[in-house]
Amino acid sequence: MSRWWTYQAERFPLFKNGLLVAAFSACAVLFTSMLTGTEAGLAWPQFLAAFVVCLLFFLQLRLADEFKDAEEDARYRPDRPVPRGLVSLRELAWVFAGAAALQLLTAWWLHPKLLWVLFPAWAYLAGMSVEFGARDWLKARPVTYLWTHMLIMPVVDFFATACHWLPVTGSPPPLGWFLAASFANGLVIEIGRKLRVPESEQEGVPTYSKLWGTRKAVLVWLGCVLAALICGTAAAAQTGHLTLAAMVFSLWFIAVDLVALRFLHLPTVEGSRHFETLAGVGTLVLYLTLGPLAWFLNR
């Protein structure tokens, strides 16, 4: 059991990811309830189902990476759990299957029709797991690779919203801005964790700072932060919380700008690590504002 604890600590920290997914799931359910005006239909099973299925989705994404990157990890990252023999790909395949079984049971338990939302999400995850059958083509086009893979964020978010609207109303409300914010936030997370200074770049490890240069990568990252907050503000307006979102998101963007400007003025290895942290905090800011905070103010 200790080796699995070590694996999660290195590759999928449960506390960190659980906190983010809890905010993600609560927001999806609460935002949808406010959008549809059916807050009376809220119940703890909706939150639980959204949390369990979404957390397992993100675990499956990590497991899929282990298979996709097995050859590169063995060559360039031998310290990772699979290359060094901590766990095997066969064992991870069983974990993946067990996660899928639990997702299936959870969705069925909440509402059998949720399976019709779960199956397309699985199909997209399966496509990502095999690089949509175009691995070399996508690898040669990093930007296309980025956005095609980040589409999984609104796909998973849509399932989380369905945990409320499908049992309660049977049809989805207008979720365009909310899902767009989720997609843009996915870009913030992905670019933020792959943004480094030249001296910390590693052979065989693709990063956006290596692709665009550190300065341009930071500016692109800031653009994605702004896009997520603009879409989030538009989503908040749909539930009558435009002022709340505008205030919170403006303050957050100013704070992010100051950190980014300081880094651009004096790029350091330690400073580059702040972007992944900011992406995580920004995720909490986005989802807690759109969901729990807005819902609480409605009380």
Protein backbone atom coordinates (compact mmCIF):
# COMPACT_ATOMS: atom_id res chain seq x y z
CA MET A 1 0.00 0.00 0.00
CA SER A 2 2.89 2.37 0.72
CA ARG A 3 3.97 2.31 -2.92
CA TRP A 4 0.50 3.43 -4.01
CA TRP A 5 0.60 6.23 -1.46
CA THR A 6 3.95 7.25 -2.96
CA TYR A 7 2.47 7.07 -6.46
CA GLN A 8 -0.45 9.36 -5.64
CA ALA A 9 1.87 11.79 -3.87
CA GLU A 10 4.07 12.07 -6.95
CA ARG A 11 1.57 11.83 -9.80
CA PHE A 12 -1.92 12.59 -8.47
CA PRO A 13 -1.90 14.25 -5.03
CA LEU A 14 -5.30 13.37 -3.63
CA PHE A 15 -5.69 16.31 -1.27
CA LYS A 16 -4.70 18.93 -3.84
CA ASN A 17 -6.74 17.39 -6.65
CA GLY A 18 -9.63 16.58 -4.34
CA LEU A 19 -9.86 20.20 -3.24
CA LEU A 20 -9.88 21.49 -6.82
CA VAL A 21 -12.42 18.90 -7.96
CA ALA A 22 -14.64 19.63 -4.95
CA ALA A 23 -14.73 23.31 -5.97
CA PHE A 24 -15.23 22.31 -9.61
CA SER A 25 -18.10 19.93 -8.81
CA ALA A 26 -19.85 22.18 -6.28
CA CYS A 27 -19.70 25.05 -8.75
CA ALA A 28 -21.16 22.97 -11.58
CA VAL A 29 -24.12 21.84 -9.49
CA LEU A 30 -24.79 25.18 -7.76
CA PHE A 31 -24.32 27.28 -10.90
CA THR A 32 -26.73 25.07 -12.81
CA SER A 33 -29.27 25.22 -10.01
CA MET A 34 -29.16 29.02 -10.02
CA LEU A 35 -29.31 29.16 -13.80
CA THR A 36 -32.41 26.96 -13.92
CA GLY A 37 -34.02 28.46 -10.81
CA THR A 38 -34.34 24.99 -9.28
CA GLU A 39 -32.28 25.37 -6.12
CA ALA A 40 -35.00 23.53 -4.24
CA GLY A 41 -33.96 20.44 -6.17
CA LEU A 42 -30.49 20.44 -4.60
CA ALA A 43 -29.46 17.34 -2.68
CA TRP A 44 -26.18 15.91 -1.41
CA PRO A 45 -26.24 12.94 -3.87
CA GLN A 46 -25.81 15.38 -6.77
CA PHE A 47 -22.65 16.84 -5.24
CA LEU A 48 -21.31 13.41 -4.31
CA ALA A 49 -21.88 11.93 -7.76
CA ALA A 50 -20.32 14.92 -9.53
CA PHE A 51 -17.30 14.84 -7.21
CA VAL A 52 -16.66 11.09 -7.47
CA VAL A 53 -17.05 10.86 -11.24
CA CYS A 54 -15.04 14.02 -11.97
CA LEU A 55 -12.21 13.11 -9.59
CA LEU A 56 -11.94 9.71 -11.28
CA PHE A 57 -11.97 11.40 -14.70
CA PHE A 58 -8.93 13.44 -13.77
CA LEU A 59 -7.27 10.34 -12.31
CA GLN A 60 -7.91 8.55 -15.61
CA LEU A 61 -6.33 11.44 -17.49
CA ARG A 62 -3.19 11.00 -15.40
CA LEU A 63 -3.22 7.24 -15.95
CA ALA A 64 -3.69 7.72 -19.70
CA ASP A 65 -0.59 9.95 -19.68
CA GLU A 66 1.41 7.12 -18.11
CA PHE A 67 0.62 4.92 -21.12
CA LYS A 68 1.00 7.65 -23.76
CA ASP A 69 4.32 8.84 -22.39
CA ALA A 70 5.77 5.47 -21.35
CA GLU A 71 8.50 5.48 -23.99
CA GLU A 72 9.50 9.11 -23.40
CA ASP A 73 9.43 8.65 -19.62
CA ALA A 74 11.72 5.64 -19.84
CA ARG A 75 14.16 7.63 -21.95
CA TYR A 76 14.06 11.10 -20.42
CA ARG A 77 12.32 10.76 -17.02
CA PRO A 78 13.53 7.49 -15.45
CA ASP A 79 12.80 8.84 -11.97
CA ARG A 80 9.03 8.66 -12.52
CA PRO A 81 7.10 5.81 -10.83
CA VAL A 82 6.58 3.57 -13.86
CA PRO A 83 10.12 3.67 -15.31
CA ARG A 84 11.70 3.09 -11.91
CA GLY A 85 9.41 0.13 -11.21
CA LEU A 86 7.28 1.52 -8.37
CA VAL A 87 4.11 0.49 -10.22
CA SER A 88 3.55 -1.24 -13.55
CA LEU A 89 1.41 -0.24 -16.51
CA ARG A 90 -0.57 -3.45 -16.04
CA GLU A 91 -1.45 -2.42 -12.50
CA LEU A 92 -2.40 1.06 -13.68
CA ALA A 93 -4.68 -0.48 -16.30
CA TRP A 94 -6.58 -2.26 -13.53
CA VAL A 95 -6.85 1.01 -11.60
CA PHE A 96 -8.21 2.69 -14.74
CA ALA A 97 -10.80 -0.06 -15.20
CA GLY A 98 -11.79 0.08 -11.53
CA ALA A 99 -12.27 3.84 -11.79
CA ALA A 100 -14.51 3.38 -14.83
CA ALA A 101 -16.60 0.78 -13.00
CA LEU A 102 -17.05 3.14 -10.05
CA GLN A 103 -18.01 5.98 -12.39
CA LEU A 104 -20.59 3.75 -14.04
CA LEU A 105 -22.12 2.69 -10.74
CA THR A 106 -22.14 6.24 -9.37
CA ALA A 107 -23.85 7.67 -12.45
CA TRP A 108 -26.42 4.86 -12.46
CA TRP A 109 -27.04 5.34 -8.74
CA LEU A 110 -27.82 9.05 -9.14
CA HIS A 111 -29.85 8.78 -12.34
CA PRO A 112 -29.65 6.02 -15.01
CA LYS A 113 -29.94 8.55 -17.84
CA LEU A 114 -26.62 10.07 -16.73
CA LEU A 115 -24.99 7.18 -18.56
CA TRP A 116 -25.90 8.92 -21.82
CA VAL A 117 -23.77 11.86 -20.67
CA LEU A 118 -21.01 9.65 -19.26
CA PHE A 119 -20.51 7.56 -22.42
CA PRO A 120 -19.62 10.50 -24.73
CA ALA A 121 -17.20 11.77 -22.07
CA TRP A 122 -15.59 8.33 -21.98
CA ALA A 123 -15.40 8.35 -25.77
CA TYR A 124 -13.51 11.66 -25.77
CA LEU A 125 -11.19 10.39 -23.05
CA ALA A 126 -10.55 7.26 -25.10
CA GLY A 127 -9.73 9.41 -28.14
CA MET A 128 -7.28 11.45 -26.09
CA SER A 129 -5.69 8.27 -24.73
CA VAL A 130 -4.69 7.23 -28.26
CA GLU A 131 -3.99 10.82 -29.41
CA PHE A 132 -7.03 10.57 -31.72
CA GLY A 133 -5.04 8.21 -33.90
CA ALA A 134 -2.77 11.06 -35.03
CA ARG A 135 0.03 11.17 -32.44
CA ASP A 136 2.83 12.30 -34.73
CA TRP A 137 0.64 14.88 -36.48
CA LEU A 138 -0.49 16.36 -33.14
CA LYS A 139 3.01 16.32 -31.64
CA ALA A 140 4.19 18.38 -34.61
CA ARG A 141 1.43 20.93 -33.88
CA PRO A 142 1.64 21.75 -30.16
CA VAL A 143 -1.10 24.39 -30.19
CA THR A 144 -3.56 22.00 -31.82
CA TYR A 145 -2.48 19.33 -29.35
CA LEU A 146 -3.16 21.76 -26.51
CA TRP A 147 -6.68 22.80 -27.42
CA THR A 148 -7.86 19.36 -28.53
CA HIS A 149 -6.78 17.91 -25.21
CA MET A 150 -8.14 20.76 -23.10
CA LEU A 151 -11.61 20.23 -24.56
CA ILE A 152 -11.88 17.46 -21.98
CA MET A 153 -12.42 20.19 -19.36
CA PRO A 154 -15.83 21.38 -20.62
CA VAL A 155 -16.71 17.75 -21.40
CA VAL A 156 -16.16 16.76 -17.76
CA ASP A 157 -17.78 19.98 -16.54
CA PHE A 158 -20.85 19.24 -18.64
CA PHE A 159 -21.22 15.89 -16.89
CA ALA A 160 -20.94 17.62 -13.51
CA THR A 161 -23.72 20.06 -14.43
CA ALA A 162 -25.85 17.15 -15.64
CA CYS A 163 -25.79 15.74 -12.12
CA HIS A 164 -28.24 18.56 -11.31
CA TRP A 165 -30.15 19.43 -14.45
CA LEU A 166 -30.80 15.92 -15.74
CA PRO A 167 -32.57 14.57 -12.61
CA VAL A 168 -34.33 17.89 -11.92
CA THR A 169 -35.33 19.41 -15.27
CA GLY A 170 -34.33 16.79 -17.85
CA SER A 171 -32.69 19.28 -20.22
CA PRO A 172 -29.57 21.46 -20.01
CA PRO A 173 -29.78 25.23 -19.46
CA PRO A 174 -27.62 27.62 -21.56
CA LEU A 175 -24.13 26.65 -20.36
CA GLY A 176 -22.00 28.15 -23.14
CA TRP A 177 -20.19 30.82 -21.10
CA PHE A 178 -19.67 28.48 -18.17
CA LEU A 179 -18.16 25.76 -20.34
CA ALA A 180 -16.02 28.33 -22.17
CA ALA A 181 -14.65 29.51 -18.82
CA SER A 182 -13.85 25.90 -17.96
CA PHE A 183 -11.99 25.42 -21.25
CA ALA A 184 -9.98 28.63 -20.83
CA ASN A 185 -9.16 27.69 -17.24
CA GLY A 186 -7.90 24.34 -18.49
CA LEU A 187 -5.47 26.22 -20.73
CA VAL A 188 -4.34 28.27 -17.72
CA ILE A 189 -3.58 25.09 -15.78
CA GLU A 190 -1.84 23.30 -18.63
CA ILE A 191 0.34 26.21 -19.75
CA GLY A 192 1.08 27.20 -16.15
CA ARG A 193 2.52 23.80 -15.28
CA LYS A 194 4.73 23.80 -18.36
CA LEU A 195 6.25 27.27 -18.09
CA ARG A 196 9.92 27.46 -17.11
CA VAL A 197 13.06 29.55 -17.39
CA PRO A 198 15.72 28.37 -19.89
CA GLU A 199 18.05 26.93 -17.24
CA SER A 200 15.35 24.60 -15.90
CA GLU A 201 14.30 23.18 -19.26
CA GLN A 202 14.95 19.43 -19.66
CA GLU A 203 15.74 17.39 -22.73
CA GLY A 204 12.71 15.48 -23.97
CA VAL A 205 10.28 17.47 -21.82
CA PRO A 206 8.03 19.67 -24.00
CA THR A 207 7.09 22.99 -22.41
CA TYR A 208 5.38 26.10 -23.72
CA SER A 209 8.29 28.26 -22.63
CA LYS A 210 10.53 26.14 -24.84
CA LEU A 211 8.00 26.39 -27.68
CA TRP A 212 7.35 30.15 -27.53
CA GLY A 213 10.10 31.51 -25.31
CA THR A 214 9.57 32.39 -21.66
CA ARG A 215 8.25 35.93 -22.20
CA LYS A 216 5.72 34.98 -24.87
CA ALA A 217 4.59 31.96 -22.85
CA VAL A 218 3.87 34.20 -19.86
CA LEU A 219 1.88 36.60 -22.05
CA VAL A 220 -0.12 33.74 -23.58
CA TRP A 221 -0.77 32.42 -20.08
CA LEU A 222 -2.02 35.84 -18.98
CA GLY A 223 -4.26 35.98 -22.04
CA CYS A 224 -5.80 32.64 -21.06
CA VAL A 225 -6.33 33.88 -17.49
CA LEU A 226 -8.11 36.95 -18.86
CA ALA A 227 -10.23 34.82 -21.21
CA ALA A 228 -11.29 32.54 -18.35
CA LEU A 229 -12.27 35.51 -16.19
CA ILE A 230 -14.17 37.25 -18.99
CA CYS A 231 -16.13 34.08 -19.76
CA GLY A 232 -16.68 33.56 -16.03
CA THR A 233 -18.03 37.09 -15.69
CA ALA A 234 -20.43 36.52 -18.58
CA ALA A 235 -21.56 33.27 -16.94
CA ALA A 236 -22.08 35.07 -13.61
CA ALA A 237 -24.25 37.64 -15.36
CA GLN A 238 -26.62 34.83 -16.32
CA THR A 239 -27.33 34.14 -12.65
CA GLY A 240 -27.51 37.81 -11.65
CA HIS A 241 -24.01 38.03 -10.12
CA LEU A 242 -22.24 40.25 -12.63
CA THR A 243 -21.05 42.78 -10.01
CA LEU A 244 -19.71 40.07 -7.70
CA ALA A 245 -17.75 38.36 -10.46
CA ALA A 246 -16.44 41.62 -11.91
CA MET A 247 -15.09 42.70 -8.52
CA VAL A 248 -13.52 39.37 -7.52
CA PHE A 249 -12.10 38.58 -10.94
CA SER A 250 -10.68 42.09 -11.44
CA LEU A 251 -8.82 41.90 -8.13
CA TRP A 252 -7.52 38.44 -8.98
CA PHE A 253 -6.30 39.52 -12.41
CA ILE A 254 -4.46 42.50 -10.91
CA ALA A 255 -2.74 40.18 -8.44
CA VAL A 256 -1.79 37.74 -11.22
CA ASP A 257 -0.50 40.59 -13.38
CA LEU A 258 1.76 41.83 -10.61
CA VAL A 259 3.30 38.38 -10.13
CA ALA A 260 3.77 37.92 -13.87
CA LEU A 261 5.35 41.37 -14.32
CA ARG A 262 7.74 40.72 -11.45
CA PHE A 263 8.73 37.41 -13.04
CA LEU A 264 9.28 39.00 -16.46
CA HIS A 265 11.45 41.64 -14.83
CA LEU A 266 13.49 39.02 -12.98
CA PRO A 267 12.92 35.47 -14.30
CA THR A 268 14.00 32.80 -11.82
CA VAL A 269 13.48 29.06 -11.43
CA GLU A 270 11.53 29.65 -8.22
CA GLY A 271 9.44 32.33 -9.89
CA SER A 272 8.49 30.02 -12.75
CA ARG A 273 6.98 27.59 -10.24
CA HIS A 274 4.50 30.26 -9.15
CA PHE A 275 2.52 29.91 -12.37
CA GLU A 276 1.33 26.40 -11.56
CA THR A 277 0.38 27.55 -8.06
CA LEU A 278 -1.44 30.59 -9.43
CA ALA A 279 -3.32 28.34 -11.86
CA GLY A 280 -4.54 26.22 -8.97
CA VAL A 281 -5.55 29.20 -6.84
CA GLY A 282 -7.19 30.79 -9.89
CA THR A 283 -9.24 27.64 -10.39
CA LEU A 284 -10.57 27.98 -6.84
CA VAL A 285 -11.26 31.70 -7.36
CA LEU A 286 -13.20 31.03 -10.57
CA TYR A 287 -15.32 28.12 -9.40
CA LEU A 288 -15.94 29.23 -5.83
CA THR A 289 -17.10 32.63 -7.08
CA LEU A 290 -19.44 31.27 -9.74
CA GLY A 291 -20.83 28.55 -7.49
CA PRO A 292 -20.71 28.52 -3.67
CA LEU A 293 -20.14 32.26 -3.12
CA ALA A 294 -22.87 33.35 -5.53
CA TRP A 295 -25.24 30.71 -4.14
CA PHE A 296 -24.54 31.80 -0.54
CA LEU A 297 -25.32 35.43 -1.44
CA ASN A 298 -28.70 34.26 -2.78
CA ARG A 299 -29.69 32.96 0.67
